Amino acid sequence: MRSITVGENDGGQRLDKFIMKATVGMPQSLLYKYIRKKCIKVNGRRAEASAILSTGDVVTMYVSDEFFDGGADAASVIAGIVPKLTIVYEDENIIVCDKPVGVLVHSGDADGEKSDDRNTLIGHIQAYLYRRGEYDPDAEATFSPALCNRIDRNTRGLVIAAKNARALREMNDVIKNRGIRKFYLCAVHGVPEPRSCELHGWLRREGGGVRVYDSRVDGAKSIATRYHVLKSTRGGELSLCEIELLTGRTHQIRAHMEHIGHPLLGEGRYGKNAADRKRGYDSQALCAYKIIFTLDGYDGALSYLRGREIAIDTDTIPFMREFD
């Protein structure tokens, strides 16, 4: 038998969602059987799976011990991480970091490689907050600081993480409703024409990557990418582009720019980069360098961010040297 007092970060969840997060490996069918048979109670009383939990509620589970984590203490694991972060912005609700090239944002993005969060951006964010006394994993039933957006391992740039459950819910809603504008800088081969354009297409996962189509095909999702050529090298070999993502699909910028005939410098999946490697680029010249919180139509707890612009110092972006 285990009893868990619902904390501030766990309130507002359905009972079944709370149990799935608080246990390890419990089949959904067994979870609902436990609830039907009154093996899971809230404040000593029977509760429906759809019951919404409140801060201070006590959830008692008369279930097998096998469904509770018997591994290493979560706080001990996080305490063993020496956080290495470049923090661009931070307040009581969110933290925005400049993720370097080569770092996974989350172990779930390892593409089959063996990985855990000791070497990921979110692992280091959690360790940083733990050392500051802002996060205690042993005091949380289901919540841990989490990412609100992601970027590829070999893309540098801004990633937002939420420190508490309310901020996570609200920031996710803001992003879903396009209350944040996201801008990238990239170096591409050639000079795109026109020099400013809003591209539309359809993107579908294929062969371990994605492919862009001009018209709708089965299994594809619509994409929109706005670019503006800022400058080009003499002779037009390379162009520096600012790109605004109007939709956020996997590899969207890389695949969309290749589709119009201007692959990114250093691009290996959607371009041929043998010459780029000799030039010193073994990954795509792409940086998520700026976000603007427009918060259109939003009036929640994060409203204080409205109009705020967060950006990386462009002088620190290596491929900018091509355009000096």
Protein backbone atom coordinates (compact mmCIF):
# COMPACT_ATOMS: atom_id res chain seq x y z
CA MET A 1 0.00 0.00 0.00
CA ARG A 2 1.24 3.47 -0.87
CA SER A 3 -0.22 6.88 -0.08
CA ILE A 4 0.70 10.02 -1.98
CA THR A 5 -0.35 13.53 -1.05
CA VAL A 6 -1.10 15.55 -4.15
CA GLY A 7 1.25 18.51 -4.40
CA GLU A 8 0.77 21.83 -6.12
CA ASN A 9 2.37 20.58 -9.34
CA ASP A 10 0.13 17.49 -9.43
CA GLY A 11 -3.26 19.13 -8.84
CA GLY A 12 -5.67 19.49 -11.73
CA GLN A 13 -4.96 16.03 -13.19
CA ARG A 14 -7.37 13.17 -13.75
CA LEU A 15 -6.90 10.34 -11.27
CA ASP A 16 -6.02 7.79 -13.96
CA LYS A 17 -3.38 10.09 -15.50
CA PHE A 18 -1.89 10.72 -12.07
CA ILE A 19 -1.62 6.98 -11.30
CA MET A 20 -0.01 6.20 -14.65
CA LYS A 21 2.70 8.78 -13.95
CA ALA A 22 3.16 7.80 -10.29
CA THR A 23 3.65 4.10 -11.04
CA VAL A 24 6.02 2.13 -13.26
CA GLY A 25 4.85 -0.39 -15.86
CA MET A 26 1.23 -0.67 -14.77
CA PRO A 27 -0.98 -1.83 -17.68
CA GLN A 28 -3.94 0.46 -18.30
CA SER A 29 -6.37 -2.45 -18.06
CA LEU A 30 -5.08 -3.28 -14.57
CA LEU A 31 -5.20 0.37 -13.52
CA TYR A 32 -8.91 0.62 -14.33
CA LYS A 33 -9.54 -2.74 -12.65
CA TYR A 34 -7.89 -1.43 -9.46
CA ILE A 35 -10.09 1.68 -9.59
CA ARG A 36 -13.28 -0.35 -10.15
CA LYS A 37 -12.44 -2.66 -7.26
CA LYS A 38 -11.81 0.31 -4.91
CA CYS A 39 -8.10 -0.53 -4.60
CA ILE A 40 -7.35 3.09 -5.40
CA LYS A 41 -9.03 5.72 -3.25
CA VAL A 42 -8.94 9.49 -2.88
CA ASN A 43 -9.17 10.81 0.66
CA GLY A 44 -10.26 7.37 1.79
CA ARG A 45 -13.18 7.16 -0.60
CA ARG A 46 -13.90 5.49 -3.89
CA ALA A 47 -13.18 7.72 -6.89
CA GLU A 48 -13.81 7.54 -10.62
CA ALA A 49 -10.93 7.38 -13.09
CA SER A 50 -12.01 10.79 -14.40
CA ALA A 51 -11.94 12.45 -10.96
CA ILE A 52 -9.90 15.67 -10.96
CA LEU A 53 -7.36 15.80 -8.14
CA SER A 54 -6.78 18.88 -5.99
CA THR A 55 -3.71 19.97 -4.05
CA GLY A 56 -3.77 18.24 -0.67
CA ASP A 57 -5.78 15.20 -1.75
CA VAL A 58 -4.42 11.88 -0.49
CA VAL A 59 -4.34 9.09 -3.05
CA THR A 60 -4.08 5.64 -1.46
CA MET A 61 -3.14 2.69 -3.66
CA TYR A 62 -3.58 -0.91 -2.54
CA VAL A 63 -1.56 -2.30 -5.44
CA SER A 64 1.45 -4.54 -5.96
CA ASP A 65 4.83 -3.11 -4.95
CA GLU A 66 6.19 -4.12 -8.36
CA PHE A 67 4.58 -0.99 -9.82
CA PHE A 68 6.66 1.38 -7.73
CA ASP A 69 10.19 2.32 -8.74
CA GLY A 70 12.69 0.33 -6.76
CA GLY A 71 15.70 1.74 -8.57
CA ALA A 72 18.10 4.52 -7.69
CA ASP A 73 16.79 7.46 -5.70
CA ALA A 74 15.79 10.16 -8.19
CA ALA A 75 17.38 12.94 -6.16
CA SER A 76 20.66 11.02 -5.99
CA VAL A 77 20.75 10.65 -9.77
CA ILE A 78 20.12 14.36 -10.35
CA ALA A 79 22.54 15.36 -7.60
CA GLY A 80 25.26 13.50 -9.50
CA ILE A 81 24.90 15.76 -12.55
CA VAL A 82 27.14 18.82 -12.70
CA PRO A 83 24.96 21.20 -14.71
CA LYS A 84 26.49 22.87 -17.74
CA LEU A 85 24.06 25.41 -19.15
CA THR A 86 24.06 28.67 -21.05
CA ILE A 87 21.03 30.43 -19.60
CA VAL A 88 19.67 33.25 -21.74
CA TYR A 89 16.57 34.05 -19.65
CA GLU A 90 15.08 32.82 -16.38
CA ASP A 91 12.21 33.71 -14.05
CA GLU A 92 10.10 31.86 -11.45
CA ASN A 93 8.20 29.92 -14.13
CA ILE A 94 10.45 29.29 -17.12
CA ILE A 95 14.08 28.98 -18.11
CA VAL A 96 15.41 29.55 -21.65
CA CYS A 97 18.74 27.94 -22.54
CA ASP A 98 21.08 28.15 -25.51
CA LYS A 99 21.57 24.48 -26.42
CA PRO A 100 24.91 23.74 -28.10
CA VAL A 101 25.36 21.59 -31.19
CA GLY A 102 25.73 17.89 -30.37
CA VAL A 103 23.55 17.88 -27.25
CA LEU A 104 20.25 15.99 -27.11
CA VAL A 105 17.39 17.91 -25.58
CA HIS A 106 15.89 14.71 -24.15
CA SER A 107 16.94 11.06 -23.95
CA GLY A 108 13.81 10.12 -25.92
CA ASP A 109 15.38 11.80 -28.97
CA ALA A 110 18.38 9.44 -29.06
CA ASP A 111 17.12 7.59 -32.19
CA GLY A 112 17.78 4.14 -30.78
CA GLU A 113 21.09 5.01 -29.15
CA LYS A 114 21.57 4.15 -25.50
CA SER A 115 21.07 7.39 -23.59
CA ASP A 116 19.69 8.83 -20.39
CA ASP A 117 19.14 12.34 -19.11
CA ARG A 118 22.55 12.60 -17.46
CA ASN A 119 23.82 13.94 -20.78
CA THR A 120 20.79 15.86 -22.04
CA LEU A 121 19.66 19.45 -21.82
CA ILE A 122 16.64 18.63 -19.64
CA GLY A 123 18.78 16.52 -17.30
CA HIS A 124 21.13 19.46 -16.74
CA ILE A 125 18.21 21.86 -16.30
CA GLN A 126 16.72 19.61 -13.61
CA ALA A 127 20.11 19.30 -11.90
CA TYR A 128 20.52 23.09 -11.97
CA LEU A 129 17.09 23.64 -10.40
CA TYR A 130 17.75 20.91 -7.83
CA ARG A 131 20.95 22.61 -6.71
CA ARG A 132 19.10 25.92 -6.42
CA GLY A 133 16.39 24.33 -4.27
CA GLU A 134 13.70 24.89 -6.90
CA TYR A 135 13.10 21.22 -7.66
CA ASP A 136 13.02 18.22 -5.32
CA PRO A 137 12.20 15.02 -7.23
CA ASP A 138 11.48 13.10 -4.03
CA ALA A 139 8.79 15.62 -3.10
CA GLU A 140 7.00 15.38 -6.45
CA ALA A 141 4.63 12.53 -7.25
CA THR A 142 4.47 12.97 -11.03
CA PHE A 143 5.94 16.33 -12.07
CA SER A 144 9.45 17.20 -13.15
CA PRO A 145 10.66 20.33 -14.98
CA ALA A 146 10.05 19.72 -18.67
CA LEU A 147 10.78 21.09 -22.12
CA CYS A 148 8.20 23.17 -23.98
CA ASN A 149 9.94 22.97 -27.36
CA ARG A 150 12.68 20.89 -28.94
CA ILE A 151 15.37 21.26 -31.57
CA ASP A 152 17.59 18.70 -33.29
CA ARG A 153 20.78 17.40 -31.68
CA ASN A 154 22.94 19.15 -34.28
CA THR A 155 21.00 22.43 -34.26
CA ARG A 156 22.08 25.09 -31.81
CA GLY A 157 19.60 27.42 -30.19
CA LEU A 158 16.94 28.48 -27.74
CA VAL A 159 14.92 25.89 -25.83
CA ILE A 160 12.23 26.75 -23.27
CA ALA A 161 11.64 24.65 -20.15
CA ALA A 162 8.93 25.04 -17.53
CA LYS A 163 9.77 24.95 -13.83
CA ASN A 164 6.29 24.05 -12.58
CA ALA A 165 3.20 22.22 -13.85
CA ARG A 166 1.09 25.32 -14.35
CA ALA A 167 3.77 27.00 -16.43
CA LEU A 168 4.18 23.82 -18.48
CA ARG A 169 0.46 23.57 -19.24
CA GLU A 170 0.15 27.24 -20.13
CA MET A 171 3.33 27.46 -22.19
CA ASN A 172 2.32 24.37 -24.15
CA ASP A 173 -1.04 26.01 -24.88
CA VAL A 174 0.67 29.26 -25.89
CA ILE A 175 2.92 27.40 -28.34
CA LYS A 176 0.00 25.34 -29.69
CA ASN A 177 -1.95 28.53 -30.35
CA ARG A 178 1.07 30.20 -31.99
CA GLY A 179 1.61 32.74 -29.26
CA ILE A 180 5.39 32.59 -29.80
CA ARG A 181 7.27 33.58 -32.95
CA LYS A 182 10.38 31.44 -33.54
CA PHE A 183 13.23 32.67 -35.71
CA TYR A 184 16.28 30.85 -37.06
CA LEU A 185 19.45 31.90 -38.83
CA CYS A 186 20.95 29.58 -41.40
CA ALA A 187 23.51 29.56 -44.19
CA VAL A 188 22.29 28.06 -47.45
CA HIS A 189 23.92 27.29 -50.78
CA GLY A 190 23.11 29.78 -53.51
CA VAL A 191 20.78 32.78 -53.40
CA PRO A 192 17.06 31.98 -52.97
CA GLU A 193 14.74 33.88 -55.27
CA PRO A 194 12.70 35.78 -54.43
CA ARG A 195 14.81 37.07 -51.56
CA SER A 196 11.77 37.07 -49.26
CA CYS A 197 9.05 34.45 -49.49
CA GLU A 198 6.52 32.43 -47.51
CA LEU A 199 6.82 28.80 -48.60
CA HIS A 200 3.97 26.32 -48.33
CA GLY A 201 4.08 22.58 -48.83
CA TRP A 202 3.39 19.14 -47.43
CA LEU A 203 5.88 17.17 -45.33
CA ARG A 204 5.87 13.41 -44.86
CA ARG A 205 8.20 11.11 -42.95
CA GLU A 206 10.08 8.84 -45.33
CA GLY A 207 13.13 6.58 -45.06
CA GLY A 208 14.36 7.77 -41.69
CA GLY A 209 13.88 11.43 -42.60
CA VAL A 210 11.23 13.61 -44.19
CA ARG A 211 10.29 14.70 -47.71
CA VAL A 212 8.53 17.86 -48.86
CA TYR A 213 5.85 17.85 -51.57
CA ASP A 214 4.22 20.76 -53.39
CA SER A 215 0.77 19.19 -53.17
CA ARG A 216 -0.99 17.04 -50.63
CA VAL A 217 -0.05 13.34 -50.42
CA ASP A 218 -1.21 10.59 -48.10
CA GLY A 219 0.29 10.86 -44.62
CA ALA A 220 1.72 14.34 -45.13
CA LYS A 221 1.18 17.40 -42.94
CA SER A 222 0.99 20.98 -44.17
CA ILE A 223 3.99 23.21 -43.54
CA ALA A 224 4.70 26.92 -43.85
CA THR A 225 8.18 28.45 -43.76
CA ARG A 226 8.95 32.16 -44.14
CA TYR A 227 12.48 33.15 -45.19
CA HIS A 228 14.31 36.39 -45.84
CA VAL A 229 17.79 36.61 -47.38
CA LEU A 230 19.85 38.93 -45.17
CA LYS A 231 23.07 38.88 -47.18
CA SER A 232 25.02 36.78 -49.68
CA THR A 233 28.69 36.14 -50.24
CA ARG A 234 30.41 37.68 -53.24
CA GLY A 235 29.53 35.52 -56.21
CA GLY A 236 26.40 34.17 -54.51
CA GLU A 237 27.97 30.94 -53.26
CA LEU A 238 26.23 31.21 -49.89
CA SER A 239 23.36 33.20 -48.41
CA LEU A 240 22.50 34.06 -44.82
CA CYS A 241 18.77 33.66 -44.23
CA GLU A 242 16.49 34.49 -41.36
CA ILE A 243 13.70 31.95 -41.22
CA GLU A 244 10.48 32.10 -39.23
CA LEU A 245 8.75 28.79 -38.58
CA LEU A 246 5.03 29.18 -39.10
CA THR A 247 4.57 25.47 -38.43
CA GLY A 248 6.93 23.28 -36.46
CA ARG A 249 7.50 19.93 -38.13
CA THR A 250 10.48 17.58 -37.87
CA HIS A 251 13.43 18.83 -39.97
CA GLN A 252 11.12 21.37 -41.59
CA ILE A 253 13.67 24.09 -42.34
CA ARG A 254 16.31 21.67 -43.59
CA ALA A 255 13.95 19.77 -45.87
CA HIS A 256 12.04 22.83 -47.11
CA MET A 257 15.15 24.77 -48.12
CA GLU A 258 16.58 21.71 -49.88
CA HIS A 259 13.25 21.28 -51.67
CA ILE A 260 13.58 24.73 -53.26
CA GLY A 261 17.15 24.00 -54.29
CA HIS A 262 19.07 25.70 -51.49
CA PRO A 263 20.26 23.10 -48.93
CA LEU A 264 21.88 24.31 -45.74
CA LEU A 265 25.64 24.59 -45.47
CA GLY A 266 26.88 21.42 -43.73
CA GLU A 267 23.64 19.56 -44.43
CA GLY A 268 24.22 15.81 -44.48
CA ARG A 269 20.74 14.29 -44.64
CA TYR A 270 19.11 16.61 -47.17
CA GLY A 271 22.17 17.62 -49.14
CA LYS A 272 25.67 16.56 -50.19
CA ASN A 273 28.20 18.01 -47.79
CA ALA A 274 31.56 16.44 -48.68
CA ALA A 275 32.88 19.85 -49.71
CA ASP A 276 31.23 21.45 -46.67
CA ARG A 277 33.05 19.02 -44.38
CA LYS A 278 36.36 20.01 -45.90
CA ARG A 279 35.34 23.57 -45.15
CA GLY A 280 34.84 22.66 -41.48
CA TYR A 281 31.08 22.03 -41.35
CA ASP A 282 30.06 18.55 -40.24
CA SER A 283 26.49 19.53 -39.28
CA GLN A 284 23.85 21.91 -40.59
CA ALA A 285 24.54 25.66 -40.26
CA LEU A 286 21.31 26.36 -38.40
CA CYS A 287 20.61 28.21 -35.16
CA ALA A 288 17.30 28.87 -33.37
CA TYR A 289 18.42 32.34 -32.39
CA LYS A 290 15.35 34.36 -31.40
CA ILE A 291 11.89 34.00 -29.87
CA ILE A 292 9.25 36.68 -29.39
CA PHE A 293 6.36 36.18 -26.98
CA THR A 294 3.37 37.72 -28.76
CA LEU A 295 0.85 35.81 -26.59
CA ASP A 296 -1.98 36.72 -28.95
CA GLY A 297 -5.34 35.95 -27.34
CA TYR A 298 -3.70 34.77 -24.12
CA ASP A 299 -4.47 36.25 -20.69
CA GLY A 300 -3.02 33.75 -18.22
CA ALA A 301 -0.28 33.54 -15.61
CA LEU A 302 2.49 34.05 -18.18
CA SER A 303 1.05 37.31 -19.54
CA TYR A 304 4.03 39.20 -18.14
CA LEU A 305 6.07 37.75 -21.04
CA ARG A 306 3.98 39.56 -23.67
CA GLY A 307 6.23 41.49 -26.05
CA ARG A 308 9.45 40.04 -24.61
CA GLU A 309 12.15 39.16 -27.12
CA ILE A 310 14.91 36.70 -26.23
CA ALA A 311 17.85 36.26 -28.56
CA ILE A 312 21.34 34.79 -28.83
CA ASP A 313 24.26 37.10 -29.57
CA THR A 314 24.75 36.48 -33.29
CA ASP A 315 28.48 37.15 -32.98
CA THR A 316 28.76 33.78 -31.20
CA ILE A 317 27.28 31.82 -34.13
CA PRO A 318 30.22 30.21 -36.02
CA PHE A 319 28.78 30.24 -39.54
CA MET A 320 28.25 34.00 -39.38
CA ARG A 321 31.96 34.35 -40.21
CA GLU A 322 31.14 33.36 -43.79
CA PHE A 323 29.40 36.71 -44.21
CA ASP A 324 31.88 39.09 -42.60
